[in-house]
Amino acid sequence: MATLDHVFQALSNPTRRDVLTRLGRGPAAMTELAKPFGMALPSFLQHLQVLEKCGLVRSQKKGRVRVFELETQPLRLAEDWMKTHREQWEARLNQLDAYLLTMEKETND
């Protein structure tokens, strides 16, 4: 199972995020995924391996072609983590806002 750290590390790279965006439209062969990036296949394969290692994609061999497919569960884990922390940050900002409004009111009275 992928750790959240590995998921965020994989998402930190724009090439890998672009690959995930493309795979959101459906499975694709490695050569098709690599075309827009203009890099050698061995270099591009390293990106796919990072994505596969953290569970964001899975691959299977179909004949002589390796096809990659998006796995959404690790993205849900990251989304849940961000949602939880966003709620905490918003609560703290709301508390700060209320405090500042109270201070402003006391100053004006």
PDB file of N, CA and C in Angstrom:
ATOM      1  N   MET A   1       0.845  -1.190   0.000  1.00  0.00           N
ATOM      2  CA  MET A   1       0.000   0.000   0.000  1.00  0.00           C
ATOM      3  C   MET A   1       0.882   1.242   0.000  1.00  0.00           C
ATOM      4  N   ALA A   2       0.491   2.185  -0.789  1.00  0.00           N
ATOM      5  CA  ALA A   2       1.247   3.424  -0.905  1.00  0.00           C
ATOM      6  C   ALA A   2       1.062   4.279   0.341  1.00  0.00           C
ATOM      7  N   THR A   3       2.128   4.945   0.723  1.00  0.00           N
ATOM      8  CA  THR A   3       1.998   5.885   1.816  1.00  0.00           C
ATOM      9  C   THR A   3       1.635   7.242   1.239  1.00  0.00           C
ATOM     10  N   LEU A   4       1.064   8.052   2.075  1.00  0.00           N
ATOM     11  CA  LEU A   4       0.682   9.393   1.655  1.00  0.00           C
ATOM     12  C   LEU A   4       1.896  10.188   1.191  1.00  0.00           C
ATOM     13  N   ASP A   5       3.032   9.988   1.856  1.00  0.00           N
ATOM     14  CA  ASP A   5       4.267  10.673   1.444  1.00  0.00           C
ATOM     15  C   ASP A   5       4.635  10.327   0.011  1.00  0.00           C
ATOM     16  N   HIS A   6       4.529   9.056  -0.347  1.00  0.00           N
ATOM     17  CA  HIS A   6       4.871   8.638  -1.707  1.00  0.00           C
ATOM     18  C   HIS A   6       3.896   9.214  -2.732  1.00  0.00           C
ATOM     19  N   VAL A   7       2.638   9.292  -2.366  1.00  0.00           N
ATOM     20  CA  VAL A   7       1.642   9.870  -3.273  1.00  0.00           C
ATOM     21  C   VAL A   7       1.962  11.340  -3.521  1.00  0.00           C
ATOM     22  N   PHE A   8       2.207  12.096  -2.457  1.00  0.00           N
ATOM     23  CA  PHE A   8       2.523  13.521  -2.634  1.00  0.00           C
ATOM     24  C   PHE A   8       3.837  13.706  -3.388  1.00  0.00           C
ATOM     25  N   GLN A   9       4.806  12.838  -3.147  1.00  0.00           N
ATOM     26  CA  GLN A   9       6.066  12.915  -3.893  1.00  0.00           C
ATOM     27  C   GLN A   9       5.811  12.694  -5.382  1.00  0.00           C
ATOM     28  N   ALA A  10       4.999  11.708  -5.702  1.00  0.00           N
ATOM     29  CA  ALA A  10       4.685  11.438  -7.109  1.00  0.00           C
ATOM     30  C   ALA A  10       3.950  12.618  -7.733  1.00  0.00           C
ATOM     31  N   LEU A  11       3.038  13.219  -6.984  1.00  0.00           N
ATOM     32  CA  LEU A  11       2.258  14.343  -7.506  1.00  0.00           C
ATOM     33  C   LEU A  11       3.067  15.630  -7.610  1.00  0.00           C
ATOM     34  N   SER A  12       4.238  15.668  -7.010  1.00  0.00           N
ATOM     35  CA  SER A  12       5.043  16.894  -7.028  1.00  0.00           C
ATOM     36  C   SER A  12       5.671  17.165  -8.391  1.00  0.00           C
ATOM     37  N   ASN A  13       5.654  16.187  -9.282  1.00  0.00           N
ATOM     38  CA  ASN A  13       6.302  16.336 -10.586  1.00  0.00           C
ATOM     39  C   ASN A  13       5.264  16.634 -11.665  1.00  0.00           C
ATOM     40  N   PRO A  14       5.464  17.702 -12.455  1.00  0.00           N
ATOM     41  CA  PRO A  14       4.471  18.068 -13.472  1.00  0.00           C
ATOM     42  C   PRO A  14       4.280  17.004 -14.560  1.00  0.00           C
ATOM     43  N   THR A  15       5.338  16.299 -14.923  1.00  0.00           N
ATOM     44  CA  THR A  15       5.199  15.242 -15.933  1.00  0.00           C
ATOM     45  C   THR A  15       4.268  14.154 -15.414  1.00  0.00           C
ATOM     46  N   ARG A  16       4.458  13.757 -14.174  1.00  0.00           N
ATOM     47  CA  ARG A  16       3.612  12.709 -13.601  1.00  0.00           C
ATOM     48  C   ARG A  16       2.168  13.181 -13.443  1.00  0.00           C
ATOM     49  N   ARG A  17       1.982  14.453 -13.075  1.00  0.00           N
ATOM     50  CA  ARG A  17       0.613  14.971 -12.986  1.00  0.00           C
ATOM     51  C   ARG A  17      -0.048  14.976 -14.364  1.00  0.00           C
ATOM     52  N   ASP A  18       0.703  15.326 -15.393  1.00  0.00           N
ATOM     53  CA  ASP A  18       0.158  15.301 -16.749  1.00  0.00           C
ATOM     54  C   ASP A  18      -0.210  13.877 -17.181  1.00  0.00           C
ATOM     55  N   VAL A  19       0.613  12.912 -16.797  1.00  0.00           N
ATOM     56  CA  VAL A  19       0.309  11.510 -17.112  1.00  0.00           C
ATOM     57  C   VAL A  19      -0.993  11.099 -16.433  1.00  0.00           C
ATOM     58  N   LEU A  20      -1.166  11.476 -15.173  1.00  0.00           N
ATOM     59  CA  LEU A  20      -2.395  11.136 -14.463  1.00  0.00           C
ATOM     60  C   LEU A  20      -3.611  11.794 -15.104  1.00  0.00           C
ATOM     61  N   THR A  21      -3.440  13.033 -15.541  1.00  0.00           N
ATOM     62  CA  THR A  21      -4.532  13.719 -16.238  1.00  0.00           C
ATOM     63  C   THR A  21      -4.917  12.948 -17.492  1.00  0.00           C
ATOM     64  N   ARG A  22      -3.908  12.542 -18.268  1.00  0.00           N
ATOM     65  CA  ARG A  22      -4.185  11.773 -19.484  1.00  0.00           C
ATOM     66  C   ARG A  22      -4.865  10.445 -19.156  1.00  0.00           C
ATOM     67  N   LEU A  23      -4.382   9.754 -18.123  1.00  0.00           N
ATOM     68  CA  LEU A  23      -4.974   8.467 -17.766  1.00  0.00           C
ATOM     69  C   LEU A  23      -6.391   8.625 -17.205  1.00  0.00           C
ATOM     70  N   GLY A  24      -6.742   9.813 -16.792  1.00  0.00           N
ATOM     71  CA  GLY A  24      -8.106  10.083 -16.367  1.00  0.00           C
ATOM     72  C   GLY A  24      -9.101   9.918 -17.501  1.00  0.00           C
ATOM     73  N   ARG A  25      -8.628   9.978 -18.727  1.00  0.00           N
ATOM     74  CA  ARG A  25      -9.483   9.778 -19.899  1.00  0.00           C
ATOM     75  C   ARG A  25      -9.542   8.316 -20.319  1.00  0.00           C
ATOM     76  N   GLY A  26      -8.722   7.472 -19.700  1.00  0.00           N
ATOM     77  CA  GLY A  26      -8.743   6.054 -20.026  1.00  0.00           C
ATOM     78  C   GLY A  26      -7.345   5.474 -20.117  1.00  0.00           C
ATOM     79  N   PRO A  27      -7.239   4.145 -20.143  1.00  0.00           N
ATOM     80  CA  PRO A  27      -5.942   3.470 -20.207  1.00  0.00           C
ATOM     81  C   PRO A  27      -5.177   3.841 -21.473  1.00  0.00           C
ATOM     82  N   ALA A  28      -3.854   3.739 -21.387  1.00  0.00           N
ATOM     83  CA  ALA A  28      -3.016   4.058 -22.544  1.00  0.00           C
ATOM     84  C   ALA A  28      -1.711   3.278 -22.463  1.00  0.00           C
ATOM     85  N   ALA A  29      -1.157   3.018 -23.642  1.00  0.00           N
ATOM     86  CA  ALA A  29       0.142   2.359 -23.724  1.00  0.00           C
ATOM     87  C   ALA A  29       1.245   3.345 -23.354  1.00  0.00           C
ATOM     88  N   MET A  30       2.368   2.799 -22.901  1.00  0.00           N
ATOM     89  CA  MET A  30       3.486   3.640 -22.495  1.00  0.00           C
ATOM     90  C   MET A  30       3.926   4.561 -23.629  1.00  0.00           C
ATOM     91  N   THR A  31       4.017   4.054 -24.845  1.00  0.00           N
ATOM     92  CA  THR A  31       4.483   4.886 -25.964  1.00  0.00           C
ATOM     93  C   THR A  31       3.525   6.046 -26.226  1.00  0.00           C
ATOM     94  N   GLU A  32       2.233   5.805 -26.081  1.00  0.00           N
ATOM     95  CA  GLU A  32       1.255   6.878 -26.262  1.00  0.00           C
ATOM     96  C   GLU A  32       1.398   7.929 -25.163  1.00  0.00           C
ATOM     97  N   LEU A  33       1.597   7.478 -23.942  1.00  0.00           N
ATOM     98  CA  LEU A  33       1.763   8.411 -22.830  1.00  0.00           C
ATOM     99  C   LEU A  33       3.027   9.250 -22.977  1.00  0.00           C
ATOM    100  N   ALA A  34       4.081   8.660 -23.517  1.00  0.00           N
ATOM    101  CA  ALA A  34       5.377   9.330 -23.611  1.00  0.00           C
ATOM    102  C   ALA A  34       5.433  10.371 -24.728  1.00  0.00           C
ATOM    103  N   LYS A  35       4.629  10.220 -25.773  1.00  0.00           N
ATOM    104  CA  LYS A  35       4.710  11.102 -26.953  1.00  0.00           C
ATOM    105  C   LYS A  35       4.789  12.592 -26.642  1.00  0.00           C
ATOM    106  N   PRO A  36       3.895  13.141 -25.828  1.00  0.00           N
ATOM    107  CA  PRO A  36       3.913  14.597 -25.627  1.00  0.00           C
ATOM    108  C   PRO A  36       5.140  15.136 -24.895  1.00  0.00           C
ATOM    109  N   PHE A  37       5.941  14.267 -24.303  1.00  0.00           N
ATOM    110  CA  PHE A  37       7.004  14.738 -23.436  1.00  0.00           C
ATOM    111  C   PHE A  37       8.376  14.797 -24.104  1.00  0.00           C
ATOM    112  N   GLY A  38       8.531  14.184 -25.238  1.00  0.00           N
ATOM    113  CA  GLY A  38       9.788  14.272 -25.976  1.00  0.00           C
ATOM    114  C   GLY A  38      10.995  13.796 -25.193  1.00  0.00           C
ATOM    115  N   MET A  39      10.835  12.748 -24.425  1.00  0.00           N
ATOM    116  CA  MET A  39      11.985  12.192 -23.706  1.00  0.00           C
ATOM    117  C   MET A  39      12.140  10.731 -24.098  1.00  0.00           C
ATOM    118  N   ALA A  40      13.311  10.228 -23.852  1.00  0.00           N
ATOM    119  CA  ALA A  40      13.585   8.827 -24.174  1.00  0.00           C
ATOM    120  C   ALA A  40      12.679   7.924 -23.327  1.00  0.00           C
ATOM    121  N   LEU A  41      12.275   6.801 -23.909  1.00  0.00           N
ATOM    122  CA  LEU A  41      11.385   5.890 -23.197  1.00  0.00           C
ATOM    123  C   LEU A  41      11.936   5.412 -21.845  1.00  0.00           C
ATOM    124  N   PRO A  42      13.238   5.097 -21.739  1.00  0.00           N
ATOM    125  CA  PRO A  42      13.732   4.694 -20.416  1.00  0.00           C
ATOM    126  C   PRO A  42      13.563   5.790 -19.354  1.00  0.00           C
ATOM    127  N   SER A  43      13.756   7.037 -19.749  1.00  0.00           N
ATOM    128  CA  SER A  43      13.558   8.153 -18.812  1.00  0.00           C
ATOM    129  C   SER A  43      12.089   8.290 -18.442  1.00  0.00           C
ATOM    130  N   PHE A  44      11.229   8.169 -19.429  1.00  0.00           N
ATOM    131  CA  PHE A  44       9.795   8.282 -19.173  1.00  0.00           C
ATOM    132  C   PHE A  44       9.306   7.121 -18.312  1.00  0.00           C
ATOM    133  N   LEU A  45       9.869   5.950 -18.543  1.00  0.00           N
ATOM    134  CA  LEU A  45       9.497   4.771 -17.766  1.00  0.00           C
ATOM    135  C   LEU A  45       9.747   4.996 -16.279  1.00  0.00           C
ATOM    136  N   GLN A  46      10.765   5.752 -15.939  1.00  0.00           N
ATOM    137  CA  GLN A  46      11.036   6.037 -14.528  1.00  0.00           C
ATOM    138  C   GLN A  46       9.856   6.777 -13.885  1.00  0.00           C
ATOM    139  N   HIS A  47       9.255   7.700 -14.636  1.00  0.00           N
ATOM    140  CA  HIS A  47       8.079   8.409 -14.123  1.00  0.00           C
ATOM    141  C   HIS A  47       6.932   7.427 -13.890  1.00  0.00           C
ATOM    142  N   LEU A  48       6.718   6.542 -14.835  1.00  0.00           N
ATOM    143  CA  LEU A  48       5.647   5.564 -14.699  1.00  0.00           C
ATOM    144  C   LEU A  48       5.898   4.617 -13.526  1.00  0.00           C
ATOM    145  N   GLN A  49       7.146   4.281 -13.311  1.00  0.00           N
ATOM    146  CA  GLN A  49       7.479   3.399 -12.185  1.00  0.00           C
ATOM    147  C   GLN A  49       7.198   4.064 -10.848  1.00  0.00           C
ATOM    148  N   VAL A  50       7.470   5.369 -10.753  1.00  0.00           N
ATOM    149  CA  VAL A  50       7.156   6.112  -9.520  1.00  0.00           C
ATOM    150  C   VAL A  50       5.644   6.085  -9.286  1.00  0.00           C
ATOM    151  N   LEU A  51       4.888   6.340 -10.342  1.00  0.00           N
ATOM    152  CA  LEU A  51       3.434   6.337 -10.222  1.00  0.00           C
ATOM    153  C   LEU A  51       2.900   4.959  -9.852  1.00  0.00           C
ATOM    154  N   GLU A  52       3.498   3.935 -10.418  1.00  0.00           N
ATOM    155  CA  GLU A  52       3.052   2.573 -10.133  1.00  0.00           C
ATOM    156  C   GLU A  52       3.445   2.143  -8.715  1.00  0.00           C
ATOM    157  N   LYS A  53       4.626   2.524  -8.300  1.00  0.00           N
ATOM    158  CA  LYS A  53       5.104   2.145  -6.964  1.00  0.00           C
ATOM    159  C   LYS A  53       4.205   2.703  -5.867  1.00  0.00           C
ATOM    160  N   CYS A  54       3.710   3.925  -6.052  1.00  0.00           N
ATOM    161  CA  CYS A  54       2.861   4.518  -5.026  1.00  0.00           C
ATOM    162  C   CYS A  54       1.389   4.181  -5.237  1.00  0.00           C
ATOM    163  N   GLY A  55       1.083   3.406  -6.258  1.00  0.00           N
ATOM    164  CA  GLY A  55      -0.275   2.919  -6.460  1.00  0.00           C
ATOM    165  C   GLY A  55      -1.189   3.827  -7.256  1.00  0.00           C
ATOM    166  N   LEU A  56      -0.656   4.903  -7.818  1.00  0.00           N
ATOM    167  CA  LEU A  56      -1.495   5.810  -8.607  1.00  0.00           C
ATOM    168  C   LEU A  56      -1.840   5.247  -9.976  1.00  0.00           C
ATOM    169  N   VAL A  57      -1.022   4.346 -10.491  1.00  0.00           N
ATOM    170  CA  VAL A  57      -1.327   3.664 -11.749  1.00  0.00           C
ATOM    171  C   VAL A  57      -1.016   2.178 -11.587  1.00  0.00           C
ATOM    172  N   ARG A  58      -1.628   1.401 -12.429  1.00  0.00           N
ATOM    173  CA  ARG A  58      -1.260  -0.016 -12.524  1.00  0.00           C
ATOM    174  C   ARG A  58      -1.066  -0.323 -13.989  1.00  0.00           C
ATOM    175  N   SER A  59      -0.291  -1.337 -14.244  1.00  0.00           N
ATOM    176  CA  SER A  59      -0.026  -1.690 -15.640  1.00  0.00           C
ATOM    177  C   SER A  59      -0.242  -3.175 -15.835  1.00  0.00           C
ATOM    178  N   GLN A  60      -0.482  -3.504 -17.072  1.00  0.00           N
ATOM    179  CA  GLN A  60      -0.544  -4.907 -17.436  1.00  0.00           C
ATOM    180  C   GLN A  60      -0.056  -5.039 -18.874  1.00  0.00           C
ATOM    181  N   LYS A  61       0.534  -6.167 -19.119  1.00  0.00           N
ATOM    182  CA  LYS A  61       1.097  -6.431 -20.434  1.00  0.00           C
ATOM    183  C   LYS A  61       0.002  -7.037 -21.305  1.00  0.00           C
ATOM    184  N   LYS A  62      -0.209  -6.420 -22.449  1.00  0.00           N
ATOM    185  CA  LYS A  62      -1.160  -6.933 -23.438  1.00  0.00           C
ATOM    186  C   LYS A  62      -0.374  -7.205 -24.713  1.00  0.00           C
ATOM    187  N   GLY A  63       0.004  -8.455 -24.896  1.00  0.00           N
ATOM    188  CA  GLY A  63       0.883  -8.794 -26.013  1.00  0.00           C
ATOM    189  C   GLY A  63       2.257  -8.226 -25.751  1.00  0.00           C
ATOM    190  N   ARG A  64       2.727  -7.396 -26.666  1.00  0.00           N
ATOM    191  CA  ARG A  64       4.039  -6.770 -26.510  1.00  0.00           C
ATOM    192  C   ARG A  64       3.948  -5.347 -25.977  1.00  0.00           C
ATOM    193  N   VAL A  65       2.749  -4.943 -25.608  1.00  0.00           N
ATOM    194  CA  VAL A  65       2.517  -3.559 -25.182  1.00  0.00           C
ATOM    195  C   VAL A  65       2.147  -3.535 -23.698  1.00  0.00           C
ATOM    196  N   ARG A  66       2.737  -2.599 -22.963  1.00  0.00           N
ATOM    197  CA  ARG A  66       2.376  -2.399 -21.557  1.00  0.00           C
ATOM    198  C   ARG A  66       1.389  -1.242 -21.497  1.00  0.00           C
ATOM    199  N   VAL A  67       0.208  -1.526 -20.930  1.00  0.00           N
ATOM    200  CA  VAL A  67      -0.875  -0.540 -20.847  1.00  0.00           C
ATOM    201  C   VAL A  67      -1.018  -0.094 -19.390  1.00  0.00           C
ATOM    202  N   PHE A  68      -1.147   1.208 -19.203  1.00  0.00           N
ATOM    203  CA  PHE A  68      -1.259   1.800 -17.872  1.00  0.00           C
ATOM    204  C   PHE A  68      -2.671   2.327 -17.662  1.00  0.00           C
ATOM    205  N   GLU A  69      -3.100   2.225 -16.401  1.00  0.00           N
ATOM    206  CA  GLU A  69      -4.448   2.637 -16.031  1.00  0.00           C
ATOM    207  C   GLU A  69      -4.400   3.383 -14.698  1.00  0.00           C
ATOM    208  N   LEU A  70      -5.227   4.391 -14.562  1.00  0.00           N
ATOM    209  CA  LEU A  70      -5.287   5.205 -13.348  1.00  0.00           C
ATOM    210  C   LEU A  70      -5.918   4.417 -12.206  1.00  0.00           C
ATOM    211  N   GLU A  71      -5.343   4.556 -11.023  1.00  0.00           N
ATOM    212  CA  GLU A  71      -5.907   4.017  -9.784  1.00  0.00           C
ATOM    213  C   GLU A  71      -6.267   5.208  -8.900  1.00  0.00           C
ATOM    214  N   THR A  72      -7.510   5.329  -8.516  1.00  0.00           N
ATOM    215  CA  THR A  72      -7.960   6.537  -7.824  1.00  0.00           C
ATOM    216  C   THR A  72      -7.864   6.469  -6.302  1.00  0.00           C
ATOM    217  N   GLN A  73      -7.727   5.300  -5.731  1.00  0.00           N
ATOM    218  CA  GLN A  73      -7.716   5.185  -4.260  1.00  0.00           C
ATOM    219  C   GLN A  73      -6.626   6.046  -3.601  1.00  0.00           C
ATOM    220  N   PRO A  74      -5.383   6.024  -4.098  1.00  0.00           N
ATOM    221  CA  PRO A  74      -4.370   6.891  -3.465  1.00  0.00           C
ATOM    222  C   PRO A  74      -4.715   8.378  -3.582  1.00  0.00           C
ATOM    223  N   LEU A  75      -5.374   8.774  -4.663  1.00  0.00           N
ATOM    224  CA  LEU A  75      -5.799  10.170  -4.798  1.00  0.00           C
ATOM    225  C   LEU A  75      -6.859  10.507  -3.760  1.00  0.00           C
ATOM    226  N   ARG A  76      -7.729   9.552  -3.481  1.00  0.00           N
ATOM    227  CA  ARG A  76      -8.750   9.778  -2.445  1.00  0.00           C
ATOM    228  C   ARG A  76      -8.104   9.949  -1.073  1.00  0.00           C
ATOM    229  N   LEU A  77      -7.067   9.161  -0.801  1.00  0.00           N
ATOM    230  CA  LEU A  77      -6.359   9.306   0.476  1.00  0.00           C
ATOM    231  C   LEU A  77      -5.772  10.707   0.610  1.00  0.00           C
ATOM    232  N   ALA A  78      -5.144  11.193  -0.469  1.00  0.00           N
ATOM    233  CA  ALA A  78      -4.565  12.538  -0.452  1.00  0.00           C
ATOM    234  C   ALA A  78      -5.659  13.593  -0.305  1.00  0.00           C
ATOM    235  N   GLU A  79      -6.753  13.398  -1.006  1.00  0.00           N
ATOM    236  CA  GLU A  79      -7.859  14.345  -0.918  1.00  0.00           C
ATOM    237  C   GLU A  79      -8.439  14.385   0.499  1.00  0.00           C
ATOM    238  N   ASP A  80      -8.603  13.221   1.113  1.00  0.00           N
ATOM    239  CA  ASP A  80      -9.123  13.170   2.481  1.00  0.00           C
ATOM    240  C   ASP A  80      -8.188  13.882   3.452  1.00  0.00           C
ATOM    241  N   TRP A  81      -6.887  13.681   3.278  1.00  0.00           N
ATOM    242  CA  TRP A  81      -5.913  14.345   4.144  1.00  0.00           C
ATOM    243  C   TRP A  81      -6.024  15.864   3.996  1.00  0.00           C
ATOM    244  N   MET A  82      -6.083  16.323   2.740  1.00  0.00           N
ATOM    245  CA  MET A  82      -6.173  17.773   2.502  1.00  0.00           C
ATOM    246  C   MET A  82      -7.484  18.337   3.039  1.00  0.00           C
ATOM    247  N   LYS A  83      -8.576  17.594   2.878  1.00  0.00           N
ATOM    248  CA  LYS A  83      -9.874  18.072   3.364  1.00  0.00           C
ATOM    249  C   LYS A  83      -9.856  18.231   4.881  1.00  0.00           C
ATOM    250  N   THR A  84      -9.335  17.241   5.575  1.00  0.00           N
ATOM    251  CA  THR A  84      -9.259  17.304   7.031  1.00  0.00           C
ATOM    252  C   THR A  84      -8.439  18.504   7.483  1.00  0.00           C
ATOM    253  N   HIS A  85      -7.293  18.686   6.857  1.00  0.00           N
ATOM    254  CA  HIS A  85      -6.431  19.801   7.255  1.00  0.00           C
ATOM    255  C   HIS A  85      -7.008  21.143   6.836  1.00  0.00           C
ATOM    256  N   ARG A  86      -7.669  21.205   5.714  1.00  0.00           N
ATOM    257  CA  ARG A  86      -8.306  22.456   5.287  1.00  0.00           C
ATOM    258  C   ARG A  86      -9.369  22.861   6.304  1.00  0.00           C
ATOM    259  N   GLU A  87     -10.153  21.905   6.788  1.00  0.00           N
ATOM    260  CA  GLU A  87     -11.178  22.209   7.782  1.00  0.00           C
ATOM    261  C   GLU A  87     -10.553  22.760   9.060  1.00  0.00           C
ATOM    262  N   GLN A  88      -9.415  22.192   9.476  1.00  0.00           N
ATOM    263  CA  GLN A  88      -8.722  22.696  10.665  1.00  0.00           C
ATOM    264  C   GLN A  88      -8.210  24.117  10.442  1.00  0.00           C
ATOM    265  N   TRP A  89      -7.604  24.351   9.255  1.00  0.00           N
ATOM    266  CA  TRP A  89      -7.061  25.684   8.956  1.00  0.00           C
ATOM    267  C   TRP A  89      -8.186  26.715   8.893  1.00  0.00           C
ATOM    268  N   GLU A  90      -9.311  26.345   8.272  1.00  0.00           N
ATOM    269  CA  GLU A  90     -10.429  27.277   8.182  1.00  0.00           C
ATOM    270  C   GLU A  90     -10.994  27.594   9.556  1.00  0.00           C
ATOM    271  N   ALA A  91     -11.076  26.589  10.420  1.00  0.00           N
ATOM    272  CA  ALA A  91     -11.570  26.827  11.788  1.00  0.00           C
ATOM    273  C   ALA A  91     -10.647  27.790  12.523  1.00  0.00           C
ATOM    274  N   ARG A  92      -9.356  27.603  12.373  1.00  0.00           N
ATOM    275  CA  ARG A  92      -8.397  28.494  13.040  1.00  0.00           C
ATOM    276  C   ARG A  92      -8.490  29.917  12.483  1.00  0.00           C
ATOM    277  N   LEU A  93      -8.642  30.040  11.176  1.00  0.00           N
ATOM    278  CA  LEU A  93      -8.776  31.373  10.579  1.00  0.00           C
ATOM    279  C   LEU A  93     -10.072  32.035  11.019  1.00  0.00           C
ATOM    280  N   ASN A  94     -11.142  31.251  11.151  1.00  0.00           N
ATOM    281  CA  ASN A  94     -12.410  31.808  11.639  1.00  0.00           C
ATOM    282  C   ASN A  94     -12.270  32.292  13.075  1.00  0.00           C
ATOM    283  N   GLN A  95     -11.536  31.553  13.904  1.00  0.00           N
ATOM    284  CA  GLN A  95     -11.291  31.975  15.284  1.00  0.00           C
ATOM    285  C   GLN A  95     -10.489  33.270  15.308  1.00  0.00           C
ATOM    286  N   LEU A  96      -9.473  33.348  14.460  1.00  0.00           N
ATOM    287  CA  LEU A  96      -8.658  34.562  14.383  1.00  0.00           C
ATOM    288  C   LEU A  96      -9.505  35.739  13.922  1.00  0.00           C
ATOM    289  N   ASP A  97     -10.350  35.521  12.933  1.00  0.00           N
ATOM    290  CA  ASP A  97     -11.215  36.582  12.428  1.00  0.00           C
ATOM    291  C   ASP A  97     -12.150  37.082  13.520  1.00  0.00           C
ATOM    292  N   ALA A  98     -12.735  36.143  14.258  1.00  0.00           N
ATOM    293  CA  ALA A  98     -13.644  36.530  15.352  1.00  0.00           C
ATOM    294  C   ALA A  98     -12.891  37.326  16.417  1.00  0.00           C
ATOM    295  N   TYR A  99     -11.692  36.896  16.737  1.00  0.00           N
ATOM    296  CA  TYR A  99     -10.870  37.602  17.737  1.00  0.00           C
ATOM    297  C   TYR A  99     -10.547  39.016  17.259  1.00  0.00           C
ATOM    298  N   LEU A 100     -10.144  39.142  16.003  1.00  0.00           N
ATOM    299  CA  LEU A 100      -9.804  40.465  15.472  1.00  0.00           C
ATOM    300  C   LEU A 100     -11.018  41.384  15.428  1.00  0.00           C
ATOM    301  N   LEU A 101     -12.173  40.844  15.093  1.00  0.00           N
ATOM    302  CA  LEU A 101     -13.396  41.658  15.096  1.00  0.00           C
ATOM    303  C   LEU A 101     -13.738  42.127  16.508  1.00  0.00           C
ATOM    304  N   THR A 102     -13.538  41.243  17.494  1.00  0.00           N
ATOM    305  CA  THR A 102     -13.765  41.605  18.891  1.00  0.00           C
ATOM    306  C   THR A 102     -12.806  42.706  19.316  1.00  0.00           C
ATOM    307  N   MET A 103     -11.543  42.561  18.956  1.00  0.00           N
ATOM    308  CA  MET A 103     -10.534  43.572  19.301  1.00  0.00           C
ATOM    309  C   MET A 103     -10.868  44.904  18.643  1.00  0.00           C
ATOM    310  N   GLU A 104     -11.292  44.876  17.405  1.00  0.00           N
ATOM    311  CA  GLU A 104     -11.636  46.094  16.685  1.00  0.00           C
ATOM    312  C   GLU A 104     -12.835  46.771  17.344  1.00  0.00           C
ATOM    313  N   LYS A 105     -13.827  45.983  17.730  1.00  0.00           N
ATOM    314  CA  LYS A 105     -15.012  46.526  18.385  1.00  0.00           C
ATOM    315  C   LYS A 105     -14.647  47.167  19.714  1.00  0.00           C
ATOM    316  N   GLU A 106     -13.786  46.496  20.485  1.00  0.00           N
ATOM    317  CA  GLU A 106     -13.379  47.031  21.779  1.00  0.00           C
ATOM    318  C   GLU A 106     -12.594  48.320  21.599  1.00  0.00           C
ATOM    319  N   THR A 107     -11.804  48.419  20.564  1.00  0.00           N
ATOM    320  CA  THR A 107     -11.016  49.619  20.294  1.00  0.00           C
ATOM    321  C   THR A 107     -11.913  50.789  19.907  1.00  0.00           C
ATOM    322  N   ASN A 108     -12.971  50.504  19.170  1.00  0.00           N
ATOM    323  CA  ASN A 108     -13.883  51.546  18.708  1.00  0.00           C
ATOM    324  C   ASN A 108     -14.884  51.978  19.772  1.00  0.00           C
ATOM    325  N   ASP A 109     -15.057  51.184  20.812  1.00  0.00           N
ATOM    326  CA  ASP A 109     -16.033  51.531  21.876  1.00  0.00           C
ATOM    327  C   ASP A 109     -15.468  52.488  22.868  1.00  0.00           C
TER     328      ASP A 109
END
